[in-house]
Protein backbone atom coordinates (compact mmCIF):
# COMPACT_ATOMS: atom_id res chain seq x y z
CA MET A 1 -11.70 0.55 -13.70
CA ASP A 2 -14.63 2.82 -14.57
CA ARG A 3 -13.32 6.37 -15.10
CA THR A 4 -16.66 7.80 -14.00
CA LEU A 5 -16.32 6.05 -10.64
CA ILE A 6 -12.79 7.39 -10.22
CA LEU A 7 -14.00 10.90 -11.04
CA ASP A 8 -16.86 10.59 -8.53
CA VAL A 9 -14.47 9.47 -5.79
CA LEU A 10 -12.11 12.38 -6.52
CA LEU A 11 -14.99 14.87 -6.49
CA ILE A 12 -16.27 13.49 -3.17
CA ALA A 13 -12.79 13.70 -1.66
CA ALA A 14 -12.24 17.25 -2.94
CA GLY A 15 -15.65 18.43 -1.73
CA ALA A 16 -15.23 16.76 1.66
CA ILE A 17 -11.81 18.33 2.20
CA ALA A 18 -13.22 21.76 1.27
CA VAL A 19 -16.04 21.35 3.82
CA ALA A 20 -13.58 20.15 6.47
CA ALA A 21 -11.34 23.13 5.76
CA VAL A 22 -14.25 25.52 6.34
CA ALA A 23 -15.14 23.71 9.57
CA ARG A 24 -11.57 23.95 10.87
CA ARG A 25 -11.34 27.65 10.00
CA MET A 26 -14.65 28.40 11.74
CA GLY A 27 -13.89 26.18 14.75
CA TRP A 28 -16.85 23.89 14.07
CA PRO A 29 -16.83 20.09 14.49
CA ALA A 30 -15.80 18.88 11.03
CA PRO A 31 -17.49 15.42 11.24
CA LEU A 32 -20.90 16.96 11.88
CA LEU A 33 -20.59 19.53 9.10
CA LEU A 34 -19.47 16.80 6.68
CA VAL A 35 -22.52 14.67 7.51
CA LEU A 36 -24.84 17.64 6.99
CA ALA A 37 -23.17 18.47 3.68
CA GLY A 38 -23.52 14.87 2.55
CA LEU A 39 -27.21 14.83 3.45
CA ALA A 40 -27.76 18.11 1.60
CA VAL A 41 -26.17 17.02 -1.68
CA SER A 42 -27.25 13.35 -1.60
CA PRO A 43 -30.45 13.91 -3.67
CA PHE A 44 -28.49 15.78 -6.38
CA VAL A 45 -25.50 13.51 -6.97
CA PRO A 46 -25.22 9.95 -8.33
CA ASN A 47 -25.66 7.19 -5.76
CA VAL A 48 -22.40 6.38 -4.00
CA PRO A 49 -23.00 3.03 -2.28
CA LEU A 50 -20.94 2.43 0.83
CA ASN A 51 -18.76 -0.59 0.15
CA PRO A 52 -18.42 -2.46 3.48
CA ASP A 53 -15.12 -4.08 2.46
CA LEU A 54 -13.73 -0.64 1.66
CA VAL A 55 -14.62 0.61 5.13
CA LEU A 56 -13.64 -2.48 7.13
CA PHE A 57 -10.44 -3.36 5.27
CA VAL A 58 -9.21 0.01 3.94
CA PHE A 59 -10.53 2.79 6.18
CA LEU A 60 -10.86 1.10 9.57
CA PRO A 61 -7.34 -0.40 10.08
CA PRO A 62 -5.34 2.83 9.56
CA LEU A 63 -7.83 4.88 11.59
CA LEU A 64 -7.60 2.44 14.50
CA TYR A 65 -3.83 2.24 14.20
CA SER A 66 -3.44 6.03 14.09
CA ALA A 67 -5.64 6.45 17.18
CA ALA A 68 -3.71 3.71 19.01
CA LEU A 69 -0.34 5.28 18.14
CA ASP A 70 -1.56 8.59 19.52
CA SER A 71 -2.96 7.00 22.70
CA SER A 72 -1.15 6.30 25.94
CA TYR A 73 -0.94 2.68 27.02
CA LEU A 74 -0.23 3.85 30.58
CA LYS A 75 -3.28 6.14 30.70
CA LEU A 76 -5.51 3.45 29.19
CA ARG A 77 -4.29 1.03 31.83
CA ASP A 78 -5.38 3.51 34.52
CA VAL A 79 -8.96 3.51 33.16
CA LYS A 80 -9.11 -0.13 32.06
CA GLN A 81 -12.19 -0.86 34.19
CA ALA A 82 -14.22 1.96 32.67
CA VAL A 83 -13.02 1.11 29.14
CA GLY A 84 -13.89 -2.57 29.63
CA MET A 85 -17.34 -1.74 31.00
CA LEU A 86 -18.07 0.45 27.97
CA SER A 87 -16.34 -1.42 25.14
CA ILE A 88 -17.58 -4.86 26.20
CA GLY A 89 -20.38 -4.54 28.76
CA LEU A 90 -22.20 -1.61 27.17
CA VAL A 91 -21.98 -3.09 23.67
CA ILE A 92 -23.52 -6.36 24.85
CA PHE A 93 -26.19 -4.52 26.87
CA THR A 94 -27.10 -2.26 23.93
CA THR A 95 -27.24 -5.23 21.56
CA VAL A 96 -29.68 -7.09 23.81
CA VAL A 97 -31.90 -4.09 24.66
CA VAL A 98 -32.15 -2.80 21.09
CA GLY A 99 -32.69 -6.32 19.76
CA LEU A 100 -35.57 -7.00 22.14
CA VAL A 101 -37.25 -3.65 21.44
CA VAL A 102 -36.94 -4.05 17.66
CA HIS A 103 -38.31 -7.60 17.80
CA LEU A 104 -41.22 -6.29 19.88
CA LEU A 105 -41.97 -3.48 17.40
CA LEU A 106 -41.39 -5.63 14.30
CA PRO A 107 -42.56 -9.15 15.23
CA ASP A 108 -42.11 -10.34 11.63
CA LEU A 109 -38.36 -9.73 12.03
CA SER A 110 -36.56 -12.70 13.55
CA LEU A 111 -34.96 -12.28 16.97
CA ALA A 112 -31.54 -13.07 15.50
CA ALA A 113 -31.93 -10.30 12.89
CA ALA A 114 -33.06 -7.89 15.61
CA PHE A 115 -29.96 -8.74 17.68
CA ALA A 116 -27.86 -8.19 14.55
CA LEU A 117 -29.26 -4.65 14.35
CA GLY A 118 -28.45 -4.15 18.03
CA ALA A 119 -24.84 -5.24 17.43
CA ILE A 120 -24.59 -2.99 14.37
CA ILE A 121 -25.57 0.21 16.19
CA ALA A 122 -24.03 -0.68 19.56
CA PRO A 123 -20.46 0.74 19.12
CA PRO A 124 -20.11 4.53 19.31
CA ASP A 125 -17.48 6.32 17.25
CA ALA A 126 -15.61 8.79 19.46
CA VAL A 127 -14.07 10.87 16.66
CA ALA A 128 -16.62 13.69 16.86
CA ALA A 129 -16.87 13.59 20.67
CA VAL A 130 -13.10 13.63 21.19
CA ALA A 131 -12.64 16.47 18.67
CA VAL A 132 -15.19 18.61 20.51
CA GLY A 133 -13.94 17.55 23.95
CA ARG A 134 -10.34 18.47 23.20
CA ARG A 135 -11.32 21.84 21.80
CA LEU A 136 -13.48 22.68 24.83
CA GLY A 137 -11.08 21.36 27.47
CA LEU A 138 -12.78 18.13 28.54
CA PRO A 139 -10.75 16.48 31.36
CA ARG A 140 -8.06 14.14 30.09
CA ARG A 141 -9.40 11.12 31.95
CA SER A 142 -12.76 11.46 30.20
CA LEU A 143 -11.07 11.77 26.80
CA THR A 144 -8.94 8.70 27.54
CA ILE A 145 -12.07 6.68 28.42
CA LEU A 146 -13.81 7.75 25.18
CA ILE A 147 -10.74 6.95 23.09
CA GLY A 148 -10.23 3.60 24.79
CA GLU A 149 -13.88 2.70 24.29
CA SER A 150 -13.74 3.53 20.58
CA LEU A 151 -10.56 1.46 20.15
CA PHE A 152 -12.04 -1.77 21.48
CA ASN A 153 -15.83 -1.59 21.13
CA ASP A 154 -15.80 -2.36 17.39
CA ALA A 155 -14.22 -5.74 18.16
CA THR A 156 -17.06 -6.67 20.52
CA ALA A 157 -19.77 -5.38 18.20
CA LEU A 158 -18.44 -7.00 15.02
CA THR A 159 -18.06 -10.36 16.78
CA LEU A 160 -21.65 -10.20 18.10
CA TYR A 161 -22.77 -9.11 14.63
CA ARG A 162 -21.21 -12.17 12.99
CA VAL A 163 -22.84 -14.50 15.48
CA ALA A 164 -26.28 -12.87 15.06
CA ILE A 165 -26.07 -12.75 11.25
CA GLY A 166 -24.99 -16.39 11.21
CA ALA A 167 -28.07 -17.27 13.24
CA ALA A 168 -30.36 -15.13 11.10
CA ILE A 169 -29.08 -16.53 7.79
CA GLY A 170 -27.94 -20.05 8.55
CA GLY A 171 -30.27 -21.18 11.29
CA THR A 172 -29.95 -21.46 15.03
CA VAL A 173 -26.74 -20.78 16.94
CA SER A 174 -26.66 -21.82 20.59
CA LEU A 175 -25.61 -19.47 23.36
CA PHE A 176 -22.62 -21.73 24.02
CA GLN A 177 -21.50 -21.48 20.38
CA GLY A 178 -21.93 -17.71 20.40
CA VAL A 179 -19.86 -17.28 23.56
CA GLY A 180 -17.23 -19.63 22.14
CA GLN A 181 -16.94 -17.60 18.91
CA PHE A 182 -16.70 -14.40 20.90
CA LEU A 183 -13.93 -15.70 23.19
CA TYR A 184 -12.03 -17.24 20.26
CA SER A 185 -12.15 -14.01 18.25
CA ALA A 186 -10.95 -11.89 21.18
CA ALA A 187 -8.28 -14.30 22.48
CA VAL A 188 -6.74 -15.07 19.09
CA GLY A 189 -6.86 -11.37 18.19
CA VAL A 190 -4.86 -10.59 21.33
CA VAL A 191 -2.31 -13.35 20.59
CA ILE A 192 -1.83 -12.23 16.98
CA GLY A 193 -1.58 -8.59 18.05
CA LEU A 194 1.08 -9.31 20.68
CA ALA A 195 3.09 -11.57 18.35
CA LEU A 196 3.08 -9.09 15.46
CA ALA A 197 3.77 -6.18 17.83
CA PHE A 198 7.05 -7.81 18.91
CA VAL A 199 7.91 -8.75 15.32
CA PHE A 200 7.34 -5.25 13.91
CA GLY A 201 9.00 -3.67 16.95
CA TRP A 202 12.10 -5.80 16.33
CA ILE A 203 12.12 -4.89 12.62
CA LEU A 204 11.67 -1.15 13.15
CA GLN A 205 14.33 -1.06 15.84
CA ARG A 206 16.91 -2.31 13.34
CA VAL A 207 15.91 -0.27 10.29
CA ARG A 208 16.99 3.14 11.64
CA ASP A 209 15.83 4.99 8.54
CA SER A 210 12.94 7.39 9.08
CA LEU A 211 11.61 7.11 5.52
CA VAL A 212 11.72 3.29 5.46
CA GLU A 213 10.32 3.00 9.00
CA ASN A 214 7.30 5.14 8.22
CA THR A 215 6.70 3.36 4.92
CA VAL A 216 6.66 0.05 6.79
CA MET A 217 4.32 1.55 9.39
CA LEU A 218 1.86 2.51 6.66
CA LEU A 219 1.54 -1.18 5.75
CA ILE A 220 1.37 -2.50 9.32
CA PRO A 221 -2.36 -1.88 10.08
CA PHE A 222 -3.50 -3.55 6.85
CA GLY A 223 -1.20 -6.55 7.32
CA VAL A 224 -2.17 -7.04 10.97
CA TYR A 225 -5.89 -6.70 10.27
CA LEU A 226 -5.79 -9.18 7.38
CA ALA A 227 -3.68 -11.65 9.39
CA ALA A 228 -6.25 -11.71 12.20
CA GLU A 229 -9.35 -11.71 10.00
CA SER A 230 -7.96 -14.54 7.86
CA VAL A 231 -8.30 -16.89 10.87
CA HIS A 232 -11.68 -15.36 11.91
CA ALA A 233 -10.10 -13.50 14.84
CA SER A 234 -10.62 -9.85 15.76
CA GLY A 235 -8.56 -7.66 13.44
CA VAL A 236 -9.62 -4.64 15.48
CA ILE A 237 -8.02 -5.93 18.69
CA ALA A 238 -4.87 -7.03 16.86
CA VAL A 239 -4.40 -3.63 15.18
CA VAL A 240 -5.02 -1.72 18.41
CA ILE A 241 -2.52 -3.83 20.37
CA VAL A 242 0.18 -3.34 17.72
CA GLY A 243 -0.53 0.41 17.59
CA LEU A 244 -0.37 0.80 21.38
CA TYR A 245 2.86 -1.20 21.60
CA LEU A 246 4.65 0.68 18.81
CA GLY A 247 3.29 4.02 20.02
CA ASN A 248 4.70 3.32 23.48
CA ARG A 249 8.12 2.57 21.92
CA MET A 250 8.07 5.51 19.51
CA TYR A 251 10.16 7.65 21.85
CA HIS A 252 13.07 5.21 21.46
CA THR A 253 13.25 5.88 17.71
CA GLY A 254 15.15 8.69 16.01
CA PHE A 255 13.79 12.24 15.92
CA GLY A 256 13.33 12.01 12.14
CA THR A 257 11.08 8.99 12.47
CA ARG A 258 8.89 10.75 15.05
CA LEU A 259 8.60 13.96 13.03
CA VAL A 260 7.68 12.13 9.83
CA SER A 261 5.33 9.71 11.63
CA ASP A 262 3.38 12.51 13.28
CA ALA A 263 2.87 14.29 9.96
CA VAL A 264 2.03 11.12 8.02
CA TRP A 265 -0.61 9.87 10.44
CA ARG A 266 -2.18 13.29 11.02
CA VAL A 267 -2.71 13.67 7.28
CA THR A 268 -3.87 10.05 6.85
CA ALA A 269 -6.41 10.26 9.69
CA PHE A 270 -7.72 13.64 8.50
CA PHE A 271 -8.13 12.43 4.91
CA LEU A 272 -9.85 9.14 5.78
CA GLU A 273 -12.14 10.62 8.44
CA THR A 274 -13.14 13.41 6.06
CA ILE A 275 -14.20 10.97 3.35
CA VAL A 276 -15.88 8.61 5.81
CA PHE A 277 -18.19 11.22 7.35
CA ALA A 278 -19.07 12.62 3.93
CA LEU A 279 -19.99 9.10 2.75
CA ILE A 280 -22.35 8.71 5.73
CA GLY A 281 -24.46 11.65 4.60
CA LEU A 282 -24.40 10.54 0.96
CA GLN A 283 -26.25 7.31 1.82
CA LEU A 284 -29.57 9.13 2.28
CA VAL A 285 -31.11 8.36 -1.12
CA PRO A 286 -30.11 4.66 -1.47
CA VAL A 287 -31.29 3.96 2.08
CA ILE A 288 -34.65 5.69 1.58
CA LYS A 289 -35.26 3.80 -1.67
CA GLY A 290 -34.84 0.49 0.12
CA ILE A 291 -37.92 0.95 2.33
CA ALA A 292 -40.32 2.04 -0.40
CA GLY A 293 -43.70 0.43 0.15
CA ARG A 294 -43.66 0.43 3.95
CA SER A 295 -45.97 2.62 6.02
CA ALA A 296 -44.26 5.97 6.58
CA TRP A 297 -45.68 6.30 10.11
CA GLN A 298 -44.50 2.83 11.06
CA VAL A 299 -41.00 3.43 9.69
CA VAL A 300 -40.66 6.81 11.43
CA GLY A 301 -42.04 5.46 14.69
CA VAL A 302 -39.70 2.46 14.78
CA ALA A 303 -36.70 4.64 13.81
CA ALA A 304 -37.47 7.12 16.60
CA ALA A 305 -37.92 4.29 19.10
CA VAL A 306 -34.60 2.66 18.15
CA PHE A 307 -32.80 6.00 18.41
CA LEU A 308 -34.27 6.73 21.85
CA VAL A 309 -33.54 3.22 23.16
CA THR A 310 -29.95 3.44 21.90
CA VAL A 311 -29.39 6.76 23.67
CA LEU A 312 -31.16 5.71 26.88
CA ALA A 313 -29.34 2.37 27.03
CA ARG A 314 -26.01 4.18 27.23
CA PHE A 315 -27.25 6.54 29.94
CA VAL A 316 -28.67 3.69 32.02
CA TRP A 317 -25.51 1.60 31.68
CA VAL A 318 -23.12 4.48 32.46
CA PHE A 319 -25.03 5.60 35.56
CA VAL A 320 -25.69 2.09 36.90
CA VAL A 321 -22.06 1.01 36.42
CA THR A 322 -20.80 4.24 37.97
CA TYR A 323 -23.05 3.71 40.99
CA LEU A 324 -21.94 0.08 41.40
CA LEU A 325 -18.26 1.01 41.16
CA ARG A 326 -18.79 3.71 43.76
CA MET A 327 -20.42 1.14 46.04
CA LEU A 328 -17.61 -1.38 45.56
CA ARG A 329 -14.67 1.05 45.68
CA ARG A 330 -14.64 3.73 48.33
CA ASP A 331 -11.77 5.54 46.62
CA PHE A 332 -13.87 5.90 43.46
CA LYS A 333 -15.48 9.36 43.46
CA PRO A 334 -16.65 10.21 39.94
CA ASP A 335 -17.78 13.69 39.01
CA PRO A 336 -21.54 13.53 38.20
CA LYS A 337 -21.01 16.13 35.46
CA VAL A 338 -18.43 13.95 33.74
CA THR A 339 -20.77 10.95 34.05
CA VAL A 340 -23.48 12.90 32.22
CA ILE A 341 -21.02 13.86 29.46
CA LEU A 342 -19.86 10.25 29.04
CA GLY A 343 -23.49 9.17 28.86
CA TRP A 344 -24.24 11.68 26.11
CA ALA A 345 -21.08 10.94 24.07
CA GLY A 346 -22.65 8.10 22.10
CA MET A 347 -22.37 9.26 18.50
CA ARG A 348 -22.36 6.38 16.02
CA GLY A 349 -20.19 6.27 12.91
CA VAL A 350 -19.28 4.60 9.66
CA VAL A 351 -18.47 1.17 11.13
CA SER A 352 -22.16 0.73 11.95
CA LEU A 353 -23.18 1.64 8.40
CA ALA A 354 -20.52 -0.61 6.89
CA ALA A 355 -21.77 -3.54 8.97
CA ALA A 356 -25.35 -2.83 7.86
CA PHE A 357 -24.36 -2.72 4.18
CA ALA A 358 -22.45 -5.99 4.71
CA ILE A 359 -25.63 -7.88 5.69
CA PRO A 360 -25.75 -10.80 3.21
CA VAL A 361 -28.21 -10.43 0.37
CA THR A 362 -29.50 -13.90 1.26
CA MET A 363 -31.50 -12.24 4.03
CA ALA A 364 -35.01 -11.26 3.00
CA GLU A 365 -34.73 -8.05 0.99
CA ARG A 366 -37.50 -6.34 2.98
CA ASP A 367 -35.80 -7.13 6.33
CA ARG A 368 -32.34 -6.15 5.08
CA ALA A 369 -33.61 -2.79 3.82
CA MET A 370 -35.32 -2.10 7.15
CA LEU A 371 -32.17 -2.90 9.16
CA LEU A 372 -30.15 -0.63 6.89
CA PHE A 373 -32.66 2.21 7.29
CA LEU A 374 -32.77 1.88 11.09
CA THR A 375 -28.96 1.88 11.21
CA PHE A 376 -28.79 4.98 9.04
CA THR A 377 -31.36 6.93 11.05
CA THR A 378 -29.65 6.01 14.33
CA VAL A 379 -26.21 7.03 13.05
CA ILE A 380 -27.52 10.32 11.66
CA GLY A 381 -29.66 10.96 14.75
CA THR A 382 -26.82 10.47 17.20
CA LEU A 383 -24.39 12.52 15.11
CA LEU A 384 -26.77 15.44 14.72
CA VAL A 385 -28.74 15.41 17.98
CA GLN A 386 -25.96 14.39 20.37
CA GLY A 387 -23.14 15.81 18.29
CA MET A 388 -24.71 19.25 17.88
CA SER A 389 -25.63 19.51 21.57
CA PHE A 390 -22.37 18.07 22.91
CA PRO A 391 -20.46 21.41 22.92
CA TRP A 392 -23.43 23.13 24.62
CA LEU A 393 -23.55 20.39 27.27
CA ILE A 394 -19.85 20.72 28.10
CA ARG A 395 -20.16 24.50 28.42
CA ARG A 396 -23.40 24.26 30.39
CA LEU A 397 -21.92 21.85 32.93
CA ARG A 398 -18.74 23.94 33.10
CA VAL A 399 -16.48 20.94 32.90
CA SER A 400 -12.90 22.09 32.49
CA SER A 401 -9.35 20.76 32.41
CA GLU A 402 -7.78 23.99 33.70
CA GLN A 403 -6.40 22.30 36.82
CA GLU A 404 -4.93 19.50 34.71
CA ILE A 405 -3.32 22.05 32.37
CA TYR A 406 -1.75 23.86 35.33
CA GLU A 407 -0.46 20.58 36.77
CA ASP A 408 0.94 19.61 33.35
CA ARG A 409 2.79 22.90 33.04
CA LEU A 410 4.15 22.61 36.56
CA ALA A 411 5.34 19.05 35.87
CA GLU A 412 6.90 20.13 32.57
CA ALA A 413 8.70 23.06 34.19
CA SER A 414 10.06 20.79 36.94
CA ALA A 415 11.16 18.21 34.39
CA GLN A 416 12.81 20.89 32.25
CA GLN A 417 14.67 22.12 35.33
CA ALA A 418 15.89 18.59 36.12
CA ALA A 419 16.92 18.03 32.49
CA LEU A 420 18.67 21.42 32.41
CA THR A 421 20.71 20.56 35.49
CA ALA A 422 21.70 17.17 34.06
CA GLY A 423 22.59 18.72 30.69
CA LEU A 424 24.76 21.44 32.22
CA GLU A 425 26.50 18.88 34.41
CA LYS A 426 27.23 16.81 31.29
CA LEU A 427 28.56 19.91 29.51
CA ASP A 428 30.91 20.73 32.41
CA GLU A 429 32.03 17.10 32.48
CA MET A 430 32.89 17.18 28.76
CA VAL A 431 34.76 20.48 29.10
CA GLU A 432 36.75 19.05 32.00
CA ARG A 433 37.46 15.86 30.10
CA GLU A 434 38.76 17.72 27.06
CA GLY A 435 41.45 19.24 29.13
CA GLY A 436 41.30 22.42 31.00
CA LYS A 437 40.41 25.96 30.16
CA PRO A 438 38.64 26.45 26.79
CA ASP A 439 39.86 29.06 24.32
CA GLU A 440 37.77 32.07 23.35
CA ILE A 441 35.87 30.37 20.52
CA GLN A 442 35.12 27.29 22.59
CA LYS A 443 33.95 29.53 25.45
CA GLN A 444 31.50 31.30 23.12
CA VAL A 445 30.07 27.96 21.96
CA ILE A 446 29.69 26.78 25.56
CA ASP A 447 27.98 30.04 26.55
CA GLN A 448 25.56 29.67 23.63
CA LEU A 449 24.67 26.13 24.71
CA LYS A 450 24.05 27.28 28.27
CA GLU A 451 21.94 30.24 27.14
CA LYS A 452 19.77 28.05 24.89
CA THR A 453 19.27 25.53 27.70
CA TRP A 454 18.31 28.21 30.21
CA ARG A 455 15.90 29.81 27.72
CA ARG A 456 14.05 26.50 27.20
CA SER A 457 13.67 26.03 30.95
CA LEU A 458 12.56 29.65 31.39
CA THR A 459 9.86 29.19 28.75
CA ALA A 460 8.41 26.23 30.67
CA TRP A 461 8.17 28.25 33.89
CA GLU A 462 6.63 31.20 32.04
CA ARG A 463 3.77 28.98 30.83
CA LEU A 464 2.62 28.68 34.44
CA GLY A 465 1.70 32.34 34.24
CA GLY A 466 -0.26 31.89 31.04
CA GLY A 467 2.55 33.25 28.86
CA THR A 468 2.35 36.82 30.16
CA GLY A 469 4.59 38.79 32.46
CA GLN A 470 3.75 41.21 35.24
CA GLY A 471 0.82 43.46 34.42
CA GLY A 472 0.07 41.42 31.29
CA SER A 473 3.35 42.43 29.66
CA GLU A 474 5.18 40.25 27.16
CA THR A 475 7.53 37.70 28.72
CA PRO A 476 11.18 37.52 27.58
CA SER A 477 10.53 34.21 25.83
CA ALA A 478 7.43 35.54 24.05
CA LEU A 479 9.40 38.61 22.96
CA TYR A 480 12.20 36.38 21.68
CA ARG A 481 9.77 34.21 19.71
CA ARG A 482 8.00 37.20 18.16
CA LEU A 483 11.19 38.93 17.08
CA ARG A 484 12.79 35.72 15.83
CA ARG A 485 9.71 34.89 13.72
CA GLU A 486 9.91 38.31 12.06
CA MET A 487 13.61 37.77 11.40
CA MET A 488 13.00 34.33 9.91
CA GLN A 489 10.31 35.66 7.57
CA THR A 490 12.76 38.27 6.28
CA GLU A 491 15.46 35.61 5.89
CA ARG A 492 13.07 33.41 3.89
CA GLU A 493 12.26 36.31 1.56
CA VAL A 494 15.98 36.83 0.93
CA PHE A 495 16.54 33.15 0.15
CA ILE A 496 13.57 33.09 -2.25
CA ARG A 497 14.76 36.28 -3.98
CA LEU A 498 18.23 34.82 -4.46
CA ARG A 499 16.68 31.66 -5.89
CA ASP A 500 14.54 33.70 -8.30
CA GLU A 501 17.68 35.60 -9.39
CA ARG A 502 19.33 32.21 -10.09
CA ARG A 503 21.99 32.88 -7.46
CA LEU A 504 20.81 29.99 -5.28
CA ASP A 505 19.95 26.46 -6.36
CA ASP A 506 16.52 24.99 -5.52
CA GLU A 507 18.16 22.11 -3.65
CA VAL A 508 20.02 24.56 -1.41
CA LEU A 509 16.81 26.57 -0.94
CA ARG A 510 14.98 23.45 0.28
CA GLU A 511 17.73 22.71 2.79
CA VAL A 512 17.84 26.20 4.31
CA MET A 513 14.04 26.43 4.34
CA ALA A 514 13.83 23.09 6.16
CA SER A 515 16.27 24.39 8.76
CA LEU A 516 14.18 27.52 9.31
CA ASP A 517 10.98 25.48 9.40
CA PHE A 518 12.35 23.21 12.15
CA GLU A 519 13.44 26.26 14.13
CA GLU A 520 9.99 27.83 13.78
CA ALA A 521 8.36 24.56 14.84
CA ILE A 522 10.47 24.66 18.00
CA LEU A 523 9.42 28.27 18.60
CA GLU A 524 5.76 27.30 18.13
CA ARG A 525 6.19 24.57 20.73
């Protein structure tokens, strides 16, 4: 392999992580800052072409799988109508509208190629929107809809894209054939996803080794995606189904598996998303070069028109569907503010660019370059225009999840109380079973268990008051956490000093540090 290429990839990764670190420290949306940074340095660095196979077969499967693991199957089921309308209906609607407009503006471009462009830019990427929405307290139902849409819309768009490209390159494809390909891809993707979900669930249930389980889970998204794509089915649907199934069963695994899994997938998603958004910005120069020779005014005008149509198509679809659902279901009372936010959350991402770069070179070079340029300008336009204004819109409309947070804390406190009662009853039962009155040492252990249980329940009730006591004073639990953190920091310093003095082995240091780290993680919770 070319060492220069390896060095370029490492430099891109290092630079992207540095930009993302600054964004996280400043509280800015990292995806948007990464795109801007990529655009800024693109003219000054060697061309880094976006390999579509790298995106679709290396980046996409783990990102989908990580999002599915972190999603709630039960919550997605509650919003399945909205998710279906967006991930299937909106993608088809956007494909048709954009295709017709592009064919009208560029009559030399075949209708099939115009529909291919519509399919390419139809699926939004919710990474940026969800990151902003979570930080600003967007209601959970809205976040669930956005996440659900992003999980499934790629499957619809990529299937439509294959049909349109096939028609543009290989001749005519009838509507019946197109619908048949779409249904086959979706249905077989579901079957493969369900079958492999049960297989991997059975395997993981019997491994019972956190390190082995998580190593297997790292391979699952790639294996599932390849299995589905090898029979021309939807790898996206298959991966999402497996991720949702295993994520729903994660709570039946050991605590070690869950702790390691959370860390592994948080790091994996952060690393891949960081590189992906940086690569989007770095495509500026190669994309611009492809349209050399065309009229600048024509190119800018068509790009602006495609961007506006893409944005408006989402707004029209969201509001029309919301109105129809309200007409059909009397119990459906959507918040108009949330509807506006969902309509504006249409930022496109790297899947669209990867699909554009994957357009076969057998297509006329002039047409292929134009489709790539229009995809790039739409992706960048939605990320910058919608992405930059998304936080302002949420604040302006004063959409908040404060009531949901209060209800969550109340439910947690009630659940903690119920668990506390059951735990104490079990403790009394064990003491009784072990025969009578405990001795002094046993009594101290039992008292410690009871005190720790009561403290956990007390912390949950204190959260209802925002973590402060009367008059804004520090609650007992907050005081305990603050003092215990100070104690642990001093304890760590002692352990490190003893290690440096060669009075404590490094292996022992790692063990005691891990114990303190777990305790601090519990305090942080």
